[in-house]
């Protein structure tokens, strides 16, 4: 490690690594400092169980931007993604199930078993989302337009966006509903069968402390249906070797470009002099000077802990404090001796029911009641489970024919009711409860569990520096999206501290393993440096 770099990046999450690659490609000397002993942030593979490679937090890939993978030649660094086929499997208490995939005609046949009307409506619904995606996806790889800016470039950008919006025609109303409305209302407008609606609705609450009936959840649903895998639009997949395979590919590309990555190097503060970032100070006392500093941490950690309010305008500091980090997500990693044997689709040999996302939520009312528990500070009595089994397509992740199951659970609130104690007190019992809920659909799971790793919102905050356990570095509601993210007036990656930029999910376009935040921040830095 040298004493001076053109750029120092705090955090080796996938966005920090992405930014590092683009900045180094432009000829800048770049140092990435990572607090933990492994790169990847929340996009990481860890040996949670002996001999197993576990995607401990993020667990599927689908919205990582193809342009970034192409620019950085990530496949040459080992990135491989297995497409999920089918995409989802939802068992129901009456013994029926709904399986969905990438093929529209297959989905129509499946849906027809529950509603002929919905089977006819589904292709139109899918086409509507596709048209909206064609409008919104290009905005992910560029700064959000500031409606109050008088800069010519901003006004031209806003004008282009307005012209594209006009081309939506009758779909413009659907776009407004998607951006502002509730998932329940959106789905009720299109469908009648509870089975289809509940299958789609789970995407609307992942990572959000909200029920599908609340405004803003329609966008969270839409956020999860964008993207592509291996050239197929709307398809998600498993990264070979776990999600850390993506971060490892980014790190490999970065090192070949000349980026230095230093793990076990926590930063204690950003060195601010005369209103400008001059470098960082590590917890061991070492100082690194830099002309530019990027933070992959969220706004709370960056400004409250690393910069300090003394260096901030009071109005901006107040804006940072207003950011909501509401969280009610729990990630449970499970080691199994055999695959779940679903009553609705029997078998412990790998089948279609094991290869996609397994949705456990029988009705929309079940989700609402699960949320009701959480809003009173209690983990859901009947939690909503989104399960994936990556070993169904990548047997190298676990030895001895064992299987890994990821359970992403709603809802487990960060702030618990006083009588419950702390998450450390109840995490095991909540994990057991989630297994019990799954066993109502696959009874063999009770005895198939070898070991279990329960990652609570408190764990996410302590171990992965996610304020409040929020996986998106801030709630993805309309008041915290686009030009409002992270703070109004500072949505283009630069901050009030000269030379300090944000490059993580706290910025536009938000959370998920996307890479766009890191790419866009790097573009802004290069523009400011005249590169």
Protein backbone atom coordinates (compact mmCIF):
# COMPACT_ATOMS: atom_id res chain seq x y z
CA UNK A 1 0.00 0.00 0.00
CA UNK A 2 1.31 3.39 -1.02
CA UNK A 3 0.71 6.62 0.84
CA UNK A 4 -1.10 8.32 -2.07
CA UNK A 5 -3.60 7.18 -4.73
CA UNK A 6 -5.70 9.05 -7.23
CA UNK A 7 -8.75 7.25 -5.82
CA UNK A 8 -9.48 5.40 -2.60
CA UNK A 9 -12.69 3.35 -2.44
CA UNK A 10 -14.18 2.37 0.90
CA UNK A 11 -15.75 -1.08 0.67
CA UNK A 12 -15.14 -3.96 -1.75
CA UNK A 13 -18.79 -4.70 -2.39
CA UNK A 14 -19.74 -5.37 -6.00
CA UNK A 15 -20.46 -1.68 -6.64
CA UNK A 16 -17.14 -0.58 -5.17
CA UNK A 17 -15.29 -3.13 -7.30
CA UNK A 18 -17.21 -2.05 -10.40
CA UNK A 19 -16.31 1.60 -9.83
CA UNK A 20 -12.68 0.63 -9.23
CA UNK A 21 -12.49 -1.18 -12.58
CA UNK A 22 -13.82 1.74 -14.60
CA UNK A 23 -11.63 4.29 -12.82
CA UNK A 24 -8.49 2.18 -13.22
CA UNK A 25 -9.29 1.62 -16.91
CA UNK A 26 -9.13 5.40 -17.28
CA UNK A 27 -5.58 5.38 -15.96
CA UNK A 28 -6.15 6.35 -12.32
CA UNK A 29 -4.35 4.65 -9.45
CA UNK A 30 -7.03 3.01 -7.29
CA UNK A 31 -6.98 1.45 -3.82
CA UNK A 32 -9.99 -0.47 -2.47
CA UNK A 33 -10.18 -0.90 1.31
CA UNK A 34 -12.37 -3.68 2.70
CA UNK A 35 -13.25 -4.02 6.39
CA UNK A 36 -13.83 -7.78 6.20
CA UNK A 37 -11.43 -10.55 5.18
CA UNK A 38 -13.31 -11.28 1.95
CA UNK A 39 -14.44 -9.10 -0.96
CA UNK A 40 -18.05 -8.82 -2.08
CA UNK A 41 -19.94 -7.07 0.69
CA UNK A 42 -23.41 -8.62 0.66
CA UNK A 43 -22.61 -10.35 -2.66
CA UNK A 44 -20.38 -12.95 -1.10
CA UNK A 45 -19.71 -16.68 -0.78
CA UNK A 46 -18.66 -17.89 2.67
CA UNK A 47 -17.96 -21.28 4.27
CA UNK A 48 -20.78 -21.13 6.78
CA UNK A 49 -20.90 -24.92 7.04
CA UNK A 50 -17.74 -27.09 6.75
CA UNK A 51 -16.91 -27.76 3.12
CA UNK A 52 -19.85 -25.71 1.81
CA UNK A 53 -19.87 -22.53 -0.23
CA UNK A 54 -22.84 -20.46 0.88
CA UNK A 55 -24.31 -17.30 -0.66
CA UNK A 56 -24.78 -15.86 2.80
CA UNK A 57 -26.83 -12.76 1.92
CA UNK A 58 -27.65 -12.10 -1.76
CA UNK A 59 -28.53 -15.40 -3.40
CA UNK A 60 -29.65 -14.99 -7.03
CA UNK A 61 -28.50 -12.88 -9.96
CA UNK A 62 -30.70 -11.25 -12.56
CA UNK A 63 -30.24 -7.49 -12.72
CA UNK A 64 -26.46 -7.23 -12.93
CA UNK A 65 -26.01 -5.01 -15.95
CA UNK A 66 -24.88 -6.94 -19.06
CA UNK A 67 -22.93 -3.94 -20.33
CA UNK A 68 -20.70 -4.04 -17.25
CA UNK A 69 -20.05 -7.76 -17.64
CA UNK A 70 -19.14 -7.14 -21.27
CA UNK A 71 -16.96 -4.08 -20.61
CA UNK A 72 -14.97 -5.84 -17.89
CA UNK A 73 -14.89 -9.27 -19.59
CA UNK A 74 -16.14 -10.90 -16.42
CA UNK A 75 -16.73 -14.27 -18.07
CA UNK A 76 -12.98 -14.42 -18.73
CA UNK A 77 -12.56 -14.19 -14.96
CA UNK A 78 -14.79 -17.15 -14.23
CA UNK A 79 -18.26 -15.62 -14.08
CA UNK A 80 -20.85 -18.21 -15.03
CA UNK A 81 -24.54 -18.07 -14.29
CA UNK A 82 -26.98 -20.99 -14.41
CA UNK A 83 -30.41 -19.86 -15.59
CA UNK A 84 -33.28 -20.94 -13.36
CA UNK A 85 -35.64 -23.31 -15.15
CA UNK A 86 -38.41 -23.03 -14.13
CA UNK A 87 -38.31 -19.65 -12.41
CA UNK A 88 -40.70 -20.40 -9.55
CA UNK A 89 -42.70 -23.08 -7.79
CA UNK A 90 -45.55 -22.28 -5.41
CA UNK A 91 -47.19 -25.17 -3.50
CA UNK A 92 -50.57 -24.71 -1.87
CA UNK A 93 -52.22 -26.38 1.15
CA UNK A 94 -54.84 -28.10 -1.05
CA UNK A 95 -52.12 -30.13 -2.80
CA UNK A 96 -52.03 -28.08 -5.98
CA UNK A 97 -49.06 -26.03 -7.17
CA UNK A 98 -48.26 -23.28 -9.67
CA UNK A 99 -45.01 -23.50 -11.60
CA UNK A 100 -43.83 -20.50 -13.66
CA UNK A 101 -41.00 -20.17 -16.17
CA UNK A 102 -39.61 -17.99 -18.93
CA UNK A 103 -41.91 -19.47 -21.58
CA UNK A 104 -45.19 -17.57 -21.80
CA UNK A 105 -47.16 -20.45 -23.30
CA UNK A 106 -46.02 -22.73 -20.46
CA UNK A 107 -47.13 -20.13 -17.92
CA UNK A 108 -50.50 -19.72 -19.61
CA UNK A 109 -51.12 -23.48 -19.40
CA UNK A 110 -50.14 -23.49 -15.72
CA UNK A 111 -52.31 -20.49 -14.85
CA UNK A 112 -55.30 -21.97 -16.71
CA UNK A 113 -55.47 -24.64 -14.03
CA UNK A 114 -56.56 -21.89 -11.64
CA UNK A 115 -58.28 -19.35 -13.89
CA UNK A 116 -58.98 -19.23 -17.63
CA UNK A 117 -59.47 -15.48 -17.37
CA UNK A 118 -56.04 -15.02 -15.78
CA UNK A 119 -54.47 -17.28 -18.39
CA UNK A 120 -55.78 -14.94 -21.08
CA UNK A 121 -54.67 -11.81 -19.18
CA UNK A 122 -51.16 -12.96 -18.29
CA UNK A 123 -49.52 -12.45 -21.72
CA UNK A 124 -50.88 -8.89 -21.78
CA UNK A 125 -49.56 -8.27 -18.25
CA UNK A 126 -46.16 -9.63 -19.22
CA UNK A 127 -46.09 -7.49 -22.37
CA UNK A 128 -46.99 -4.39 -20.34
CA UNK A 129 -44.09 -4.99 -17.95
CA UNK A 130 -41.78 -5.57 -20.91
CA UNK A 131 -42.71 -2.21 -22.42
CA UNK A 132 -42.13 -0.45 -19.11
CA UNK A 133 -38.79 -2.23 -18.72
CA UNK A 134 -37.71 -1.00 -22.14
CA UNK A 135 -38.37 2.54 -20.94
CA UNK A 136 -36.93 2.28 -17.43
CA UNK A 137 -33.92 -0.02 -17.86
CA UNK A 138 -31.84 2.48 -19.90
CA UNK A 139 -32.18 4.97 -17.03
CA UNK A 140 -30.39 2.59 -14.66
CA UNK A 141 -26.99 3.26 -16.23
CA UNK A 142 -27.14 7.04 -16.07
CA UNK A 143 -27.69 9.67 -13.37
CA UNK A 144 -31.32 10.46 -12.56
CA UNK A 145 -32.57 13.74 -14.05
CA UNK A 146 -32.89 16.63 -11.61
CA UNK A 147 -36.20 18.36 -12.41
CA UNK A 148 -34.96 21.65 -10.88
CA UNK A 149 -31.57 21.76 -12.58
CA UNK A 150 -30.87 24.56 -15.07
CA UNK A 151 -27.77 22.90 -16.53
CA UNK A 152 -28.16 22.35 -20.25
CA UNK A 153 -27.15 18.69 -20.03
CA UNK A 154 -29.69 18.01 -17.29
CA UNK A 155 -32.47 19.78 -19.15
CA UNK A 156 -31.67 17.88 -22.34
CA UNK A 157 -31.62 14.61 -20.42
CA UNK A 158 -34.97 15.38 -18.81
CA UNK A 159 -36.33 16.32 -22.22
CA UNK A 160 -35.22 13.03 -23.76
CA UNK A 161 -36.81 11.15 -20.88
CA UNK A 162 -40.06 13.06 -21.36
CA UNK A 163 -40.09 12.23 -25.06
CA UNK A 164 -39.54 8.55 -24.31
CA UNK A 165 -42.37 8.69 -21.75
CA UNK A 166 -44.69 10.13 -24.39
CA UNK A 167 -43.98 7.13 -26.59
CA UNK A 168 -45.45 4.90 -23.88
CA UNK A 169 -48.86 6.17 -24.87
CA UNK A 170 -51.53 4.21 -23.01
CA UNK A 171 -48.83 2.51 -20.94
CA UNK A 172 -47.99 5.79 -19.23
CA UNK A 173 -50.79 5.27 -16.71
CA UNK A 174 -49.45 1.78 -15.98
CA UNK A 175 -46.01 3.27 -15.38
CA UNK A 176 -47.39 5.74 -12.86
CA UNK A 177 -49.25 2.93 -11.07
CA UNK A 178 -46.09 0.82 -11.00
CA UNK A 179 -43.98 3.67 -9.62
CA UNK A 180 -46.46 4.86 -7.01
CA UNK A 181 -49.09 2.21 -6.34
CA UNK A 182 -49.43 -0.96 -4.34
CA UNK A 183 -48.71 -4.42 -5.66
CA UNK A 184 -52.11 -5.60 -4.43
CA UNK A 185 -53.99 -3.01 -6.44
CA UNK A 186 -51.86 -3.66 -9.53
CA UNK A 187 -52.40 -7.41 -9.36
CA UNK A 188 -56.10 -7.05 -8.53
CA UNK A 189 -56.50 -4.96 -11.67
CA UNK A 190 -55.10 -7.79 -13.77
CA UNK A 191 -55.96 -11.09 -12.11
CA UNK A 192 -58.60 -12.91 -10.07
CA UNK A 193 -56.88 -16.11 -8.85
CA UNK A 194 -55.30 -15.93 -5.41
CA UNK A 195 -52.67 -18.47 -6.44
CA UNK A 196 -51.25 -16.34 -9.25
CA UNK A 197 -51.43 -13.10 -7.29
CA UNK A 198 -49.61 -14.48 -4.26
CA UNK A 199 -46.91 -16.00 -6.48
CA UNK A 200 -46.23 -12.64 -8.09
CA UNK A 201 -46.69 -10.58 -4.92
CA UNK A 202 -43.73 -12.04 -3.04
CA UNK A 203 -41.39 -10.09 -5.33
CA UNK A 204 -43.08 -6.91 -4.13
CA UNK A 205 -42.05 -7.33 -0.49
CA UNK A 206 -38.53 -8.76 -0.72
CA UNK A 207 -36.30 -6.47 1.32
CA UNK A 208 -39.14 -4.08 2.08
CA UNK A 209 -40.82 -3.40 5.40
CA UNK A 210 -44.21 -3.17 3.76
CA UNK A 211 -47.20 -5.31 2.93
CA UNK A 212 -48.20 -5.66 -0.75
CA UNK A 213 -51.21 -3.43 -0.10
CA UNK A 214 -48.99 -0.43 0.66
CA UNK A 215 -48.15 2.22 -1.96
CA UNK A 216 -44.70 1.79 -3.47
CA UNK A 217 -44.62 -2.00 -3.44
CA UNK A 218 -45.61 -2.22 -7.11
CA UNK A 219 -42.21 -0.72 -7.97
CA UNK A 220 -40.38 -3.22 -5.75
CA UNK A 221 -42.22 -5.95 -7.68
CA UNK A 222 -41.19 -4.37 -10.98
CA UNK A 223 -37.59 -3.89 -9.77
CA UNK A 224 -37.34 -7.67 -9.38
CA UNK A 225 -38.72 -8.55 -12.83
CA UNK A 226 -36.23 -6.47 -14.80
CA UNK A 227 -32.92 -7.75 -16.06
CA UNK A 228 -31.66 -10.81 -17.89
CA UNK A 229 -29.50 -13.91 -17.60
CA UNK A 230 -27.44 -15.30 -20.47
CA UNK A 231 -29.30 -13.03 -22.89
CA UNK A 232 -32.79 -14.11 -21.81
CA UNK A 233 -34.83 -11.18 -20.53
CA UNK A 234 -36.59 -11.41 -17.18
CA UNK A 235 -34.68 -14.57 -16.22
CA UNK A 236 -32.74 -14.89 -12.96
CA UNK A 237 -30.05 -17.42 -12.17
CA UNK A 238 -27.53 -18.91 -9.76
CA UNK A 239 -23.91 -17.79 -9.94
CA UNK A 240 -21.50 -20.72 -10.16
CA UNK A 241 -19.68 -21.02 -6.86
CA UNK A 242 -22.24 -18.83 -5.10
CA UNK A 243 -22.79 -15.09 -5.39
CA UNK A 244 -19.18 -14.50 -4.42
CA UNK A 245 -18.31 -15.81 -7.89
CA UNK A 246 -19.52 -12.49 -9.30
CA UNK A 247 -17.49 -10.47 -6.80
CA UNK A 248 -14.43 -12.65 -7.41
CA UNK A 249 -14.71 -12.03 -11.14
CA UNK A 250 -14.89 -8.29 -10.51
CA UNK A 251 -11.90 -8.47 -8.17
CA UNK A 252 -9.91 -10.47 -10.73
CA UNK A 253 -10.67 -7.94 -13.46
CA UNK A 254 -9.80 -5.06 -11.12
CA UNK A 255 -6.42 -6.53 -10.14
CA UNK A 256 -5.47 -7.11 -13.78
CA UNK A 257 -6.26 -3.47 -14.52
CA UNK A 258 -4.00 -2.40 -11.67
CA UNK A 259 -6.40 -1.90 -8.76
CA UNK A 260 -5.00 -2.66 -5.31
CA UNK A 261 -7.45 -4.40 -2.96
CA UNK A 262 -6.67 -4.56 0.74
CA UNK A 263 -8.88 -6.69 3.02
CA UNK A 264 -8.98 -6.56 6.84
CA UNK A 265 -8.54 -2.81 6.49
CA UNK A 266 -11.43 -1.02 8.24
CA UNK A 267 -11.60 2.74 7.74
CA UNK A 268 -12.16 4.84 10.86
CA UNK A 269 -12.78 8.17 9.16
CA UNK A 270 -12.60 10.12 5.94
CA UNK A 271 -9.95 12.83 6.14
CA UNK A 272 -11.74 16.10 5.35
CA UNK A 273 -9.72 19.29 5.01
CA UNK A 274 -11.15 22.63 3.97
CA UNK A 275 -14.43 21.05 2.91
CA UNK A 276 -12.73 18.49 0.66
CA UNK A 277 -11.84 14.82 1.00
CA UNK A 278 -8.09 14.37 1.29
CA UNK A 279 -7.97 10.62 1.92
CA UNK A 280 -8.83 8.19 4.70
CA UNK A 281 -7.56 7.09 8.07
CA UNK A 282 -7.64 3.37 8.87
CA UNK A 283 -8.50 1.97 12.28
CA UNK A 284 -4.87 0.94 12.76
CA UNK A 285 -3.87 4.59 12.40
CA UNK A 286 -2.47 4.36 8.87
CA UNK A 287 -3.27 7.32 6.63
CA UNK A 288 -3.81 7.14 2.89
CA UNK A 289 -4.01 10.35 0.89
CA UNK A 290 -6.13 10.56 -2.25
CA UNK A 291 -7.45 13.15 -4.64
CA UNK A 292 -10.84 11.40 -4.71
CA UNK A 293 -12.65 9.17 -2.22
CA UNK A 294 -15.62 6.91 -3.03
CA UNK A 295 -17.74 5.28 -0.35
CA UNK A 296 -19.56 2.06 -1.03
CA UNK A 297 -21.19 2.33 2.41
CA UNK A 298 -24.67 3.75 2.91
CA UNK A 299 -25.29 7.44 3.54
CA UNK A 300 -25.71 7.02 7.29
CA UNK A 301 -22.34 5.33 7.75
CA UNK A 302 -20.56 7.57 5.25
CA UNK A 303 -21.68 10.90 6.65
CA UNK A 304 -22.57 10.21 10.28
CA UNK A 305 -19.68 7.89 11.13
CA UNK A 306 -16.90 8.47 8.60
CA UNK A 307 -17.25 12.18 7.78
CA UNK A 308 -18.94 13.62 10.87
CA UNK A 309 -21.60 16.32 11.07
CA UNK A 310 -19.00 19.02 11.77
CA UNK A 311 -18.07 18.87 8.09
CA UNK A 312 -21.64 18.93 6.78
CA UNK A 313 -24.17 21.63 6.08
CA UNK A 314 -26.95 21.28 8.70
CA UNK A 315 -29.65 20.98 6.04
CA UNK A 316 -27.80 18.16 4.28
CA UNK A 317 -27.10 16.41 7.60
CA UNK A 318 -30.81 16.60 8.41
CA UNK A 319 -31.61 15.07 5.03
CA UNK A 320 -29.27 12.17 5.76
CA UNK A 321 -30.99 11.60 9.10
CA UNK A 322 -34.38 11.47 7.36
CA UNK A 323 -33.38 8.49 5.21
CA UNK A 324 -35.45 5.47 6.24
CA UNK A 325 -33.76 2.13 6.70
CA UNK A 326 -36.89 0.20 7.69
CA UNK A 327 -36.07 -3.49 7.54
CA UNK A 328 -37.85 -6.75 8.24
CA UNK A 329 -35.85 -9.32 6.28
CA UNK A 330 -34.15 -12.40 7.69
CA UNK A 331 -31.86 -14.64 5.64
CA UNK A 332 -31.62 -18.29 6.71
CA UNK A 333 -29.05 -20.60 5.16
CA UNK A 334 -29.82 -24.28 5.65
CA UNK A 335 -27.75 -27.41 5.08
CA UNK A 336 -29.98 -30.36 4.15
CA UNK A 337 -29.36 -34.10 3.97
CA UNK A 338 -31.92 -34.38 1.17
CA UNK A 339 -34.12 -32.20 -1.00
CA UNK A 340 -37.59 -31.13 0.20
CA UNK A 341 -40.28 -33.68 -0.64
CA UNK A 342 -43.29 -31.52 -1.44
CA UNK A 343 -46.73 -32.96 -0.91
CA UNK A 344 -47.90 -31.02 -3.97
CA UNK A 345 -45.05 -32.41 -6.12
CA UNK A 346 -43.40 -35.43 -4.48
CA UNK A 347 -39.81 -36.53 -4.90
CA UNK A 348 -36.39 -36.04 -3.32
CA UNK A 349 -34.53 -36.42 -6.62
CA UNK A 350 -33.82 -33.06 -8.27
CA UNK A 351 -36.91 -31.91 -10.13
CA UNK A 352 -38.37 -28.67 -11.50
CA UNK A 353 -39.85 -27.91 -8.07
CA UNK A 354 -36.33 -27.57 -6.66
CA UNK A 355 -34.69 -25.47 -9.38
CA UNK A 356 -36.46 -22.12 -9.15
CA UNK A 357 -37.68 -19.92 -6.33
CA UNK A 358 -40.03 -21.75 -3.96
CA UNK A 359 -42.74 -19.40 -2.69
CA UNK A 360 -44.37 -20.26 0.61
CA UNK A 361 -47.38 -17.99 1.14
CA UNK A 362 -50.82 -19.51 0.52
CA UNK A 363 -52.85 -16.29 0.26
CA UNK A 364 -52.50 -12.53 0.03
CA UNK A 365 -54.12 -12.34 3.46
CA UNK A 366 -51.31 -14.52 4.84
CA UNK A 367 -48.80 -11.87 3.74
CA UNK A 368 -50.88 -9.09 5.26
CA UNK A 369 -51.12 -10.88 8.60
CA UNK A 370 -47.39 -11.62 8.54
CA UNK A 371 -46.79 -7.89 8.11
CA UNK A 372 -49.22 -7.06 10.91
CA UNK A 373 -47.06 -9.03 13.34
CA UNK A 374 -43.91 -7.21 12.24
CA UNK A 375 -45.32 -3.71 12.46
CA UNK A 376 -45.88 -4.39 16.16
CA UNK A 377 -42.27 -5.50 16.60
CA UNK A 378 -42.89 -9.25 16.44
CA UNK A 379 -41.43 -11.72 13.91
CA UNK A 380 -44.23 -13.10 11.77
CA UNK A 381 -46.02 -16.09 13.26
CA UNK A 382 -46.63 -17.32 9.71
CA UNK A 383 -43.65 -15.88 7.83
CA UNK A 384 -43.48 -15.53 4.07
CA UNK A 385 -40.66 -17.71 2.70
CA UNK A 386 -38.79 -17.36 -0.56
CA UNK A 387 -36.55 -20.44 -0.85
CA UNK A 388 -33.91 -21.35 -3.39
CA UNK A 389 -31.75 -24.46 -3.62
CA UNK A 390 -28.62 -23.59 -5.64
CA UNK A 391 -27.21 -27.13 -5.27
CA UNK A 392 -30.03 -28.25 -7.56
CA UNK A 393 -27.92 -26.87 -10.44
CA UNK A 394 -24.45 -26.52 -8.84
CA UNK A 395 -23.58 -29.64 -6.85
CA UNK A 396 -20.06 -28.30 -6.14
CA UNK A 397 -21.46 -26.02 -3.43
CA UNK A 398 -21.93 -28.81 -0.85
CA UNK A 399 -20.21 -32.19 -0.33
CA UNK A 400 -21.60 -35.71 0.11
CA UNK A 401 -24.77 -35.17 -1.94
CA UNK A 402 -25.99 -32.65 0.59
CA UNK A 403 -27.97 -29.56 -0.37
CA UNK A 404 -27.93 -25.88 0.49
CA UNK A 405 -31.19 -24.00 0.81
CA UNK A 406 -31.45 -20.22 0.99
CA UNK A 407 -34.53 -18.92 2.79
CA UNK A 408 -35.27 -15.22 2.45
CA UNK A 409 -37.91 -14.46 5.06
CA UNK A 410 -40.44 -11.71 5.56
CA UNK A 411 -41.02 -10.43 8.17
CA UNK A 412 -38.52 -10.14 10.99
CA UNK A 413 -38.38 -6.49 12.13
CA UNK A 414 -35.10 -4.86 13.11
CA UNK A 415 -36.78 -3.22 16.11
CA UNK A 416 -38.30 -5.88 18.35
CA UNK A 417 -41.01 -5.52 20.97
CA UNK A 418 -39.55 -5.01 24.44
CA UNK A 419 -40.71 -8.35 25.82
CA UNK A 420 -38.81 -10.32 23.15
CA UNK A 421 -35.32 -9.25 24.15
CA UNK A 422 -32.82 -9.03 21.27
CA UNK A 423 -32.44 -10.88 18.00
CA UNK A 424 -29.57 -12.81 19.55
CA UNK A 425 -32.12 -14.19 22.04
CA UNK A 426 -34.75 -15.31 19.53
CA UNK A 427 -32.95 -15.97 16.24
CA UNK A 428 -32.78 -19.74 16.68
CA UNK A 429 -36.45 -20.07 17.64
CA UNK A 430 -37.47 -17.96 14.66
CA UNK A 431 -35.34 -20.11 12.37
CA UNK A 432 -37.05 -23.18 13.78
CA UNK A 433 -40.44 -21.58 13.15
CA UNK A 434 -39.55 -20.97 9.49
CA UNK A 435 -38.52 -24.60 9.07
CA UNK A 436 -41.83 -25.65 10.66
CA UNK A 437 -43.77 -23.51 8.16
CA UNK A 438 -41.88 -25.04 5.23
CA UNK A 439 -42.45 -28.55 6.61
CA UNK A 440 -46.20 -28.02 6.28
CA UNK A 441 -45.58 -28.27 2.52
CA UNK A 442 -42.55 -30.62 2.59
CA UNK A 443 -42.81 -32.78 5.76
CA UNK A 444 -39.38 -34.38 5.38
CA UNK A 445 -37.62 -31.04 5.90
CA UNK A 446 -37.91 -31.33 9.69
CA UNK A 447 -35.54 -34.28 9.76
CA UNK A 448 -33.43 -33.22 6.76
CA UNK A 449 -31.96 -30.13 8.46
CA UNK A 450 -28.31 -30.74 9.36
CA UNK A 451 -27.40 -27.18 10.28
CA UNK A 452 -28.84 -23.69 10.03
CA UNK A 453 -27.40 -20.16 9.86
CA UNK A 454 -29.90 -17.43 10.78
CA UNK A 455 -28.84 -13.94 9.63
CA UNK A 456 -31.05 -11.34 11.32
CA UNK A 457 -31.37 -7.63 10.53
CA UNK A 458 -29.10 -7.01 13.52
CA UNK A 459 -26.50 -9.39 12.06
CA UNK A 460 -26.73 -7.62 8.71
CA UNK A 461 -26.00 -4.32 10.41
CA UNK A 462 -23.15 -5.63 12.59
CA UNK A 463 -21.43 -7.87 10.07
CA UNK A 464 -22.16 -6.21 6.73
CA UNK A 465 -22.56 -2.54 7.74
CA UNK A 466 -26.16 -2.35 6.50
CA UNK A 467 -27.87 0.28 8.64
CA UNK A 468 -31.00 -1.18 10.22
CA UNK A 469 -30.37 -4.40 8.30
CA UNK A 470 -31.73 -2.77 5.14
CA UNK A 471 -30.40 -4.74 2.17
CA UNK A 472 -30.99 -1.82 -0.22
CA UNK A 473 -28.98 0.77 1.82
CA UNK A 474 -32.24 2.66 2.26
CA UNK A 475 -35.90 1.87 1.63
CA UNK A 476 -36.81 1.88 -2.07
CA UNK A 477 -39.94 3.97 -1.83
CA UNK A 478 -40.79 6.76 -4.27
CA UNK A 479 -39.59 9.45 -1.86
CA UNK A 480 -36.18 7.72 -1.81
CA UNK A 481 -35.76 6.93 -5.50
CA UNK A 482 -34.47 8.76 -8.59
CA UNK A 483 -33.47 12.36 -7.84
CA UNK A 484 -34.43 11.86 -4.18
CA UNK A 485 -31.80 9.16 -3.60
CA UNK A 486 -30.03 9.45 -1.21
CA UNK A 487 -30.86 13.14 -0.54
CA UNK A 488 -32.62 15.64 -2.80
CA UNK A 489 -30.07 17.77 -4.60
CA UNK A 490 -27.30 15.18 -4.26
CA UNK A 491 -28.54 12.32 -6.41
CA UNK A 492 -25.69 12.37 -8.93
CA UNK A 493 -23.11 10.55 -6.79
CA UNK A 494 -21.16 13.67 -5.77
CA UNK A 495 -21.62 14.90 -2.18
CA UNK A 496 -21.29 18.26 -0.41
CA UNK A 497 -17.73 17.25 0.54
CA UNK A 498 -15.63 18.01 -2.54
CA UNK A 499 -13.92 14.96 -3.90
CA UNK A 500 -16.18 12.56 -1.96
CA UNK A 501 -18.64 10.39 -3.88
CA UNK A 502 -21.12 7.64 -3.05
CA UNK A 503 -20.99 4.54 -5.24
CA UNK A 504 -23.21 2.00 -3.43
CA UNK A 505 -26.88 1.07 -3.39
CA UNK A 506 -27.63 4.24 -1.42
CA UNK A 507 -27.55 5.98 -4.81
CA UNK A 508 -29.63 5.68 -7.99
CA UNK A 509 -30.84 3.18 -9.15
CA UNK A 510 -30.81 1.49 -5.72
CA UNK A 511 -30.43 -1.98 -4.31
CA UNK A 512 -29.87 -5.38 -5.78
CA UNK A 513 -26.75 -6.90 -7.35
CA UNK A 514 -26.81 -4.54 -10.31
CA UNK A 515 -23.42 -2.81 -10.58
CA UNK A 516 -25.08 0.28 -12.02
CA UNK A 517 -24.43 2.43 -8.95
CA UNK A 518 -20.71 1.75 -9.11
CA UNK A 519 -20.59 2.30 -12.87
CA UNK A 520 -22.51 5.58 -12.70
CA UNK A 521 -20.40 6.91 -9.84
CA UNK A 522 -17.22 6.17 -11.79
CA UNK A 523 -18.60 7.98 -14.84
CA UNK A 524 -19.37 11.02 -12.66
CA UNK A 525 -15.87 11.03 -11.15
CA UNK A 526 -14.25 10.83 -14.57
CA UNK A 527 -16.44 13.64 -15.83
CA UNK A 528 -15.47 15.84 -12.88
CA UNK A 529 -11.79 15.03 -13.46
CA UNK A 530 -12.06 15.90 -17.14
CA UNK A 531 -11.44 12.34 -18.25
